[in-house]
Amino acid sequence: MESSKSKIVISLFDNSTLSFDLLGKESHLEVVSVMMTNVTTETTMVKLKSKINLVMKAVEERDHEIAALSDHMKTCEISESS
């Protein structure tokens, strides 16, 4: 690994690596890439589940408010008709 003020270079392959060895190393890089993607996806899914739960809770609260208003309207209609 080399470090300079303008950039950091991490050597994945040395110059003595044969071409047939690169295929195996490339597949490892793909696995690392997929693993990082999955971590991002899992994190996103956790955040989405949390947001969905908040929305569901808000909808339930609104449902209760609507039911209470509906009951109130029925009560008012009954008292007006008698």
PDB file of N, CA and C in Angstrom:
ATOM      1  N   MET A   1       0.857  -1.182   0.000  1.00  0.00           N
ATOM      2  CA  MET A   1       0.000   0.000   0.000  1.00  0.00           C
ATOM      3  C   MET A   1       0.896   1.236   0.000  1.00  0.00           C
ATOM      4  N   GLU A   2       0.616   2.142  -0.907  1.00  0.00           N
ATOM      5  CA  GLU A   2       1.352   3.395  -0.987  1.00  0.00           C
ATOM      6  C   GLU A   2       0.426   4.524  -0.579  1.00  0.00           C
ATOM      7  N   SER A   3       0.979   5.516   0.064  1.00  0.00           N
ATOM      8  CA  SER A   3       0.168   6.654   0.457  1.00  0.00           C
ATOM      9  C   SER A   3       0.867   7.935   0.040  1.00  0.00           C
ATOM     10  N   SER A   4       0.109   8.854  -0.504  1.00  0.00           N
ATOM     11  CA  SER A   4       0.648  10.166  -0.830  1.00  0.00           C
ATOM     12  C   SER A   4      -0.393  11.204  -0.461  1.00  0.00           C
ATOM     13  N   LYS A   5      -0.041  12.469  -0.577  1.00  0.00           N
ATOM     14  CA  LYS A   5      -0.979  13.525  -0.215  1.00  0.00           C
ATOM     15  C   LYS A   5      -2.189  13.565  -1.132  1.00  0.00           C
ATOM     16  N   SER A   6      -2.003  13.238  -2.407  1.00  0.00           N
ATOM     17  CA  SER A   6      -3.098  13.373  -3.358  1.00  0.00           C
ATOM     18  C   SER A   6      -3.956  12.122  -3.475  1.00  0.00           C
ATOM     19  N   LYS A   7      -3.398  10.946  -3.170  1.00  0.00           N
ATOM     20  CA  LYS A   7      -4.186   9.725  -3.328  1.00  0.00           C
ATOM     21  C   LYS A   7      -3.616   8.599  -2.486  1.00  0.00           C
ATOM     22  N   ILE A   8      -4.437   7.577  -2.302  1.00  0.00           N
ATOM     23  CA  ILE A   8      -4.003   6.359  -1.624  1.00  0.00           C
ATOM     24  C   ILE A   8      -4.148   5.228  -2.622  1.00  0.00           C
ATOM     25  N   VAL A   9      -3.096   4.450  -2.818  1.00  0.00           N
ATOM     26  CA  VAL A   9      -3.123   3.338  -3.760  1.00  0.00           C
ATOM     27  C   VAL A   9      -2.966   2.058  -2.967  1.00  0.00           C
ATOM     28  N   ILE A  10      -3.911   1.149  -3.132  1.00  0.00           N
ATOM     29  CA  ILE A  10      -3.833  -0.158  -2.491  1.00  0.00           C
ATOM     30  C   ILE A  10      -3.621  -1.181  -3.592  1.00  0.00           C
ATOM     31  N   SER A  11      -2.513  -1.873  -3.540  1.00  0.00           N
ATOM     32  CA  SER A  11      -2.187  -2.843  -4.577  1.00  0.00           C
ATOM     33  C   SER A  11      -2.926  -4.144  -4.298  1.00  0.00           C
ATOM     34  N   LEU A  12      -3.766  -4.577  -5.246  1.00  0.00           N
ATOM     35  CA  LEU A  12      -4.482  -5.833  -5.100  1.00  0.00           C
ATOM     36  C   LEU A  12      -3.706  -6.990  -5.710  1.00  0.00           C
ATOM     37  N   PHE A  13      -2.955  -6.708  -6.751  1.00  0.00           N
ATOM     38  CA  PHE A  13      -2.173  -7.729  -7.434  1.00  0.00           C
ATOM     39  C   PHE A  13      -0.742  -7.242  -7.543  1.00  0.00           C
ATOM     40  N   ASP A  14       0.198  -8.161  -7.342  1.00  0.00           N
ATOM     41  CA  ASP A  14       1.571  -7.762  -7.612  1.00  0.00           C
ATOM     42  C   ASP A  14       1.883  -8.058  -9.077  1.00  0.00           C
ATOM     43  N   ASN A  15       2.954  -7.530  -9.569  1.00  0.00           N
ATOM     44  CA  ASN A  15       3.286  -7.669 -10.986  1.00  0.00           C
ATOM     45  C   ASN A  15       3.646  -9.092 -11.371  1.00  0.00           C
ATOM     46  N   SER A  16       3.949  -9.949 -10.424  1.00  0.00           N
ATOM     47  CA  SER A  16       4.326 -11.322 -10.740  1.00  0.00           C
ATOM     48  C   SER A  16       3.120 -12.247 -10.870  1.00  0.00           C
ATOM     49  N   THR A  17       1.913 -11.741 -10.683  1.00  0.00           N
ATOM     50  CA  THR A  17       0.713 -12.566 -10.771  1.00  0.00           C
ATOM     51  C   THR A  17       0.514 -13.035 -12.204  1.00  0.00           C
ATOM     52  N   LEU A  18       0.343 -14.341 -12.382  1.00  0.00           N
ATOM     53  CA  LEU A  18       0.113 -14.899 -13.711  1.00  0.00           C
ATOM     54  C   LEU A  18      -1.320 -14.653 -14.147  1.00  0.00           C
ATOM     55  N   SER A  19      -1.550 -14.665 -15.456  1.00  0.00           N
ATOM     56  CA  SER A  19      -2.879 -14.330 -15.982  1.00  0.00           C
ATOM     57  C   SER A  19      -3.944 -15.312 -15.524  1.00  0.00           C
ATOM     58  N   PHE A  20      -3.633 -16.611 -15.416  1.00  0.00           N
ATOM     59  CA  PHE A  20      -4.656 -17.562 -14.982  1.00  0.00           C
ATOM     60  C   PHE A  20      -4.993 -17.396 -13.508  1.00  0.00           C
ATOM     61  N   ASP A  21      -4.091 -16.821 -12.724  1.00  0.00           N
ATOM     62  CA  ASP A  21      -4.376 -16.542 -11.315  1.00  0.00           C
ATOM     63  C   ASP A  21      -5.316 -15.350 -11.163  1.00  0.00           C
ATOM     64  N   LEU A  22      -5.335 -14.463 -12.140  1.00  0.00           N
ATOM     65  CA  LEU A  22      -6.181 -13.272 -12.064  1.00  0.00           C
ATOM     66  C   LEU A  22      -7.657 -13.638 -12.061  1.00  0.00           C
ATOM     67  N   LEU A  23      -8.010 -14.711 -12.759  1.00  0.00           N
ATOM     68  CA  LEU A  23      -9.422 -15.105 -12.812  1.00  0.00           C
ATOM     69  C   LEU A  23      -9.957 -15.393 -11.418  1.00  0.00           C
ATOM     70  N   GLY A  24      -9.204 -16.116 -10.624  1.00  0.00           N
ATOM     71  CA  GLY A  24      -9.623 -16.416  -9.263  1.00  0.00           C
ATOM     72  C   GLY A  24      -9.705 -15.172  -8.405  1.00  0.00           C
ATOM     73  N   LYS A  25      -8.754 -14.275  -8.567  1.00  0.00           N
ATOM     74  CA  LYS A  25      -8.757 -13.045  -7.775  1.00  0.00           C
ATOM     75  C   LYS A  25      -9.895 -12.127  -8.189  1.00  0.00           C
ATOM     76  N   GLU A  26     -10.215 -12.094  -9.481  1.00  0.00           N
ATOM     77  CA  GLU A  26     -11.333 -11.268  -9.939  1.00  0.00           C
ATOM     78  C   GLU A  26     -12.640 -11.766  -9.351  1.00  0.00           C
ATOM     79  N   SER A  27     -12.799 -13.091  -9.267  1.00  0.00           N
ATOM     80  CA  SER A  27     -14.039 -13.618  -8.694  1.00  0.00           C
ATOM     81  C   SER A  27     -14.145 -13.231  -7.221  1.00  0.00           C
ATOM     82  N   HIS A  28     -13.021 -13.190  -6.516  1.00  0.00           N
ATOM     83  CA  HIS A  28     -13.047 -12.748  -5.119  1.00  0.00           C
ATOM     84  C   HIS A  28     -13.468 -11.287  -5.025  1.00  0.00           C
ATOM     85  N   LEU A  29     -13.006 -10.479  -5.976  1.00  0.00           N
ATOM     86  CA  LEU A  29     -13.403  -9.073  -5.987  1.00  0.00           C
ATOM     87  C   LEU A  29     -14.898  -8.940  -6.227  1.00  0.00           C
ATOM     88  N   GLU A  30     -15.450  -9.788  -7.096  1.00  0.00           N
ATOM     89  CA  GLU A  30     -16.889  -9.756  -7.344  1.00  0.00           C
ATOM     90  C   GLU A  30     -17.656 -10.118  -6.081  1.00  0.00           C
ATOM     91  N   VAL A  31     -17.163 -11.103  -5.337  1.00  0.00           N
ATOM     92  CA  VAL A  31     -17.818 -11.507  -4.090  1.00  0.00           C
ATOM     93  C   VAL A  31     -17.806 -10.356  -3.102  1.00  0.00           C
ATOM     94  N   VAL A  32     -16.685  -9.673  -2.983  1.00  0.00           N
ATOM     95  CA  VAL A  32     -16.596  -8.530  -2.074  1.00  0.00           C
ATOM     96  C   VAL A  32     -17.583  -7.459  -2.504  1.00  0.00           C
ATOM     97  N   SER A  33     -17.657  -7.212  -3.807  1.00  0.00           N
ATOM     98  CA  SER A  33     -18.592  -6.211  -4.320  1.00  0.00           C
ATOM     99  C   SER A  33     -20.025  -6.598  -3.999  1.00  0.00           C
ATOM    100  N   VAL A  34     -20.373  -7.854  -4.211  1.00  0.00           N
ATOM    101  CA  VAL A  34     -21.729  -8.324  -3.906  1.00  0.00           C
ATOM    102  C   VAL A  34     -22.002  -8.220  -2.420  1.00  0.00           C
ATOM    103  N   MET A  35     -21.025  -8.562  -1.593  1.00  0.00           N
ATOM    104  CA  MET A  35     -21.215  -8.477  -0.146  1.00  0.00           C
ATOM    105  C   MET A  35     -21.483  -7.038   0.271  1.00  0.00           C
ATOM    106  N   MET A  36     -20.754  -6.101  -0.297  1.00  0.00           N
ATOM    107  CA  MET A  36     -20.968  -4.696   0.041  1.00  0.00           C
ATOM    108  C   MET A  36     -22.343  -4.242  -0.423  1.00  0.00           C
ATOM    109  N   THR A  37     -22.767  -4.712  -1.591  1.00  0.00           N
ATOM    110  CA  THR A  37     -24.096  -4.373  -2.090  1.00  0.00           C
ATOM    111  C   THR A  37     -25.154  -4.929  -1.160  1.00  0.00           C
ATOM    112  N   ASN A  38     -24.982  -6.161  -0.701  1.00  0.00           N
ATOM    113  CA  ASN A  38     -25.949  -6.768   0.208  1.00  0.00           C
ATOM    114  C   ASN A  38     -26.021  -6.020   1.526  1.00  0.00           C
ATOM    115  N   VAL A  39     -24.898  -5.553   2.028  1.00  0.00           N
ATOM    116  CA  VAL A  39     -24.906  -4.777   3.271  1.00  0.00           C
ATOM    117  C   VAL A  39     -25.725  -3.514   3.066  1.00  0.00           C
ATOM    118  N   THR A  40     -25.499  -2.860   1.943  1.00  0.00           N
ATOM    119  CA  THR A  40     -26.247  -1.645   1.642  1.00  0.00           C
ATOM    120  C   THR A  40     -27.731  -1.958   1.519  1.00  0.00           C
ATOM    121  N   THR A  41     -28.053  -3.063   0.857  1.00  0.00           N
ATOM    122  CA  THR A  41     -29.443  -3.458   0.683  1.00  0.00           C
ATOM    123  C   THR A  41     -30.084  -3.771   2.027  1.00  0.00           C
ATOM    124  N   GLU A  42     -29.372  -4.498   2.889  1.00  0.00           N
ATOM    125  CA  GLU A  42     -29.919  -4.829   4.206  1.00  0.00           C
ATOM    126  C   GLU A  42     -30.163  -3.567   5.023  1.00  0.00           C
ATOM    127  N   THR A  43     -29.241  -2.641   4.978  1.00  0.00           N
ATOM    128  CA  THR A  43     -29.403  -1.378   5.698  1.00  0.00           C
ATOM    129  C   THR A  43     -30.608  -0.621   5.169  1.00  0.00           C
ATOM    130  N   THR A  44     -30.738  -0.584   3.853  1.00  0.00           N
ATOM    131  CA  THR A  44     -31.877   0.088   3.230  1.00  0.00           C
ATOM    132  C   THR A  44     -33.176  -0.585   3.631  1.00  0.00           C
ATOM    133  N   MET A  45     -33.195  -1.914   3.658  1.00  0.00           N
ATOM    134  CA  MET A  45     -34.405  -2.651   4.031  1.00  0.00           C
ATOM    135  C   MET A  45     -34.802  -2.352   5.475  1.00  0.00           C
ATOM    136  N   VAL A  46     -33.843  -2.277   6.365  1.00  0.00           N
ATOM    137  CA  VAL A  46     -34.138  -1.962   7.765  1.00  0.00           C
ATOM    138  C   VAL A  46     -34.759  -0.573   7.864  1.00  0.00           C
ATOM    139  N   LYS A  47     -34.195   0.386   7.127  1.00  0.00           N
ATOM    140  CA  LYS A  47     -34.740   1.747   7.143  1.00  0.00           C
ATOM    141  C   LYS A  47     -36.148   1.774   6.559  1.00  0.00           C
ATOM    142  N   LEU A  48     -36.349   1.041   5.461  1.00  0.00           N
ATOM    143  CA  LEU A  48     -37.675   1.006   4.835  1.00  0.00           C
ATOM    144  C   LEU A  48     -38.706   0.363   5.761  1.00  0.00           C
ATOM    145  N   LYS A  49     -38.334  -0.728   6.428  1.00  0.00           N
ATOM    146  CA  LYS A  49     -39.254  -1.376   7.368  1.00  0.00           C
ATOM    147  C   LYS A  49     -39.649  -0.415   8.480  1.00  0.00           C
ATOM    148  N   SER A  50     -38.683   0.336   8.968  1.00  0.00           N
ATOM    149  CA  SER A  50     -38.969   1.312  10.018  1.00  0.00           C
ATOM    150  C   SER A  50     -39.948   2.368   9.526  1.00  0.00           C
ATOM    151  N   LYS A  51     -39.726   2.871   8.311  1.00  0.00           N
ATOM    152  CA  LYS A  51     -40.620   3.884   7.751  1.00  0.00           C
ATOM    153  C   LYS A  51     -42.009   3.310   7.498  1.00  0.00           C
ATOM    154  N   ILE A  52     -42.070   2.071   7.023  1.00  0.00           N
ATOM    155  CA  ILE A  52     -43.369   1.426   6.788  1.00  0.00           C
ATOM    156  C   ILE A  52     -44.123   1.275   8.100  1.00  0.00           C
ATOM    157  N   ASN A  53     -43.423   0.883   9.157  1.00  0.00           N
ATOM    158  CA  ASN A  53     -44.068   0.751  10.465  1.00  0.00           C
ATOM    159  C   ASN A  53     -44.623   2.084  10.949  1.00  0.00           C
ATOM    160  N   LEU A  54     -43.886   3.166  10.723  1.00  0.00           N
ATOM    161  CA  LEU A  54     -44.375   4.494  11.113  1.00  0.00           C
ATOM    162  C   LEU A  54     -45.625   4.868  10.324  1.00  0.00           C
ATOM    163  N   VAL A  55     -45.626   4.579   9.027  1.00  0.00           N
ATOM    164  CA  VAL A  55     -46.794   4.881   8.197  1.00  0.00           C
ATOM    165  C   VAL A  55     -47.995   4.050   8.642  1.00  0.00           C
ATOM    166  N   MET A  56     -47.771   2.768   8.926  1.00  0.00           N
ATOM    167  CA  MET A  56     -48.872   1.908   9.379  1.00  0.00           C
ATOM    168  C   MET A  56     -49.452   2.414  10.696  1.00  0.00           C
ATOM    169  N   LYS A  57     -48.592   2.858  11.594  1.00  0.00           N
ATOM    170  CA  LYS A  57     -49.057   3.396  12.872  1.00  0.00           C
ATOM    171  C   LYS A  57     -49.889   4.656  12.647  1.00  0.00           C
ATOM    172  N   ALA A  58     -49.431   5.527  11.745  1.00  0.00           N
ATOM    173  CA  ALA A  58     -50.177   6.756  11.440  1.00  0.00           C
ATOM    174  C   ALA A  58     -51.532   6.426  10.828  1.00  0.00           C
ATOM    175  N   VAL A  59     -51.579   5.431   9.945  1.00  0.00           N
ATOM    176  CA  VAL A  59     -52.846   5.025   9.320  1.00  0.00           C
ATOM    177  C   VAL A  59     -53.803   4.478  10.373  1.00  0.00           C
ATOM    178  N   GLU A  60     -53.296   3.669  11.295  1.00  0.00           N
ATOM    179  CA  GLU A  60     -54.149   3.136  12.368  1.00  0.00           C
ATOM    180  C   GLU A  60     -54.719   4.269  13.218  1.00  0.00           C
ATOM    181  N   GLU A  61     -53.884   5.257  13.538  1.00  0.00           N
ATOM    182  CA  GLU A  61     -54.362   6.397  14.325  1.00  0.00           C
ATOM    183  C   GLU A  61     -55.447   7.156  13.571  1.00  0.00           C
ATOM    184  N   ARG A  62     -55.261   7.342  12.276  1.00  0.00           N
ATOM    185  CA  ARG A  62     -56.275   8.034  11.465  1.00  0.00           C
ATOM    186  C   ARG A  62     -57.560   7.218  11.394  1.00  0.00           C
ATOM    187  N   ASP A  63     -57.427   5.902  11.292  1.00  0.00           N
ATOM    188  CA  ASP A  63     -58.615   5.041  11.285  1.00  0.00           C
ATOM    189  C   ASP A  63     -59.421   5.218  12.565  1.00  0.00           C
ATOM    190  N   HIS A  64     -58.724   5.292  13.702  1.00  0.00           N
ATOM    191  CA  HIS A  64     -59.413   5.502  14.981  1.00  0.00           C
ATOM    192  C   HIS A  64     -60.094   6.870  15.012  1.00  0.00           C
ATOM    193  N   GLU A  65     -59.402   7.888  14.482  1.00  0.00           N
ATOM    194  CA  GLU A  65     -60.001   9.229  14.434  1.00  0.00           C
ATOM    195  C   GLU A  65     -61.246   9.236  13.551  1.00  0.00           C
ATOM    196  N   ILE A  66     -61.175   8.565  12.410  1.00  0.00           N
ATOM    197  CA  ILE A  66     -62.324   8.505  11.495  1.00  0.00           C
ATOM    198  C   ILE A  66     -63.487   7.783  12.158  1.00  0.00           C
ATOM    199  N   ALA A  67     -63.206   6.682  12.839  1.00  0.00           N
ATOM    200  CA  ALA A  67     -64.263   5.938  13.523  1.00  0.00           C
ATOM    201  C   ALA A  67     -64.900   6.796  14.614  1.00  0.00           C
ATOM    202  N   ALA A  68     -64.086   7.539  15.364  1.00  0.00           N
ATOM    203  CA  ALA A  68     -64.614   8.399  16.428  1.00  0.00           C
ATOM    204  C   ALA A  68     -65.483   9.507  15.841  1.00  0.00           C
ATOM    205  N   LEU A  69     -65.044  10.125  14.740  1.00  0.00           N
ATOM    206  CA  LEU A  69     -65.843  11.173  14.093  1.00  0.00           C
ATOM    207  C   LEU A  69     -67.147  10.610  13.531  1.00  0.00           C
ATOM    208  N   SER A  70     -67.076   9.418  12.971  1.00  0.00           N
ATOM    209  CA  SER A  70     -68.281   8.775  12.441  1.00  0.00           C
ATOM    210  C   SER A  70     -69.287   8.509  13.563  1.00  0.00           C
ATOM    211  N   ASP A  71     -68.794   8.008  14.693  1.00  0.00           N
ATOM    212  CA  ASP A  71     -69.672   7.779  15.844  1.00  0.00           C
ATOM    213  C   ASP A  71     -70.268   9.093  16.340  1.00  0.00           C
ATOM    214  N   HIS A  72     -69.470  10.136  16.368  1.00  0.00           N
ATOM    215  CA  HIS A  72     -69.941  11.448  16.810  1.00  0.00           C
ATOM    216  C   HIS A  72     -71.045  11.964  15.878  1.00  0.00           C
ATOM    217  N   MET A  73     -70.857  11.795  14.564  1.00  0.00           N
ATOM    218  CA  MET A  73     -71.870  12.235  13.597  1.00  0.00           C
ATOM    219  C   MET A  73     -73.175  11.461  13.782  1.00  0.00           C
ATOM    220  N   LYS A  74     -73.072  10.164  14.021  1.00  0.00           N
ATOM    221  CA  LYS A  74     -74.277   9.353  14.236  1.00  0.00           C
ATOM    222  C   LYS A  74     -75.012   9.813  15.491  1.00  0.00           C
ATOM    223  N   THR A  75     -74.235  10.127  16.532  1.00  0.00           N
ATOM    224  CA  THR A  75     -74.838  10.603  17.775  1.00  0.00           C
ATOM    225  C   THR A  75     -75.561  11.921  17.545  1.00  0.00           C
ATOM    226  N   CYS A  76     -74.949  12.824  16.794  1.00  0.00           N
ATOM    227  CA  CYS A  76     -75.572  14.117  16.491  1.00  0.00           C
ATOM    228  C   CYS A  76     -76.842  13.926  15.664  1.00  0.00           C
ATOM    229  N   GLU A  77     -76.826  13.032  14.690  1.00  0.00           N
ATOM    230  CA  GLU A  77     -77.995  12.775  13.846  1.00  0.00           C
ATOM    231  C   GLU A  77     -79.150  12.210  14.674  1.00  0.00           C
ATOM    232  N   ILE A  78     -78.826  11.324  15.608  1.00  0.00           N
ATOM    233  CA  ILE A  78     -79.866  10.724  16.452  1.00  0.00           C
ATOM    234  C   ILE A  78     -80.485  11.784  17.354  1.00  0.00           C
ATOM    235  N   SER A  79     -79.641  12.644  17.941  1.00  0.00           N
ATOM    236  CA  SER A  79     -80.168  13.670  18.846  1.00  0.00           C
ATOM    237  C   SER A  79     -80.981  14.715  18.084  1.00  0.00           C
ATOM    238  N   GLU A  80     -80.636  15.017  16.839  1.00  0.00           N
ATOM    239  CA  GLU A  80     -81.394  15.979  16.038  1.00  0.00           C
ATOM    240  C   GLU A  80     -82.743  15.409  15.606  1.00  0.00           C
ATOM    241  N   SER A  81     -82.802  14.119  15.346  1.00  0.00           N
ATOM    242  CA  SER A  81     -84.051  13.519  14.867  1.00  0.00           C
ATOM    243  C   SER A  81     -85.061  13.301  15.991  1.00  0.00           C
ATOM    244  N   SER A  82     -84.635  13.313  17.232  1.00  0.00           N
ATOM    245  CA  SER A  82     -85.589  13.083  18.321  1.00  0.00           C
ATOM    246  C   SER A  82     -86.085  14.327  18.964  1.00  0.00           C
TER     247      SER A  82
END
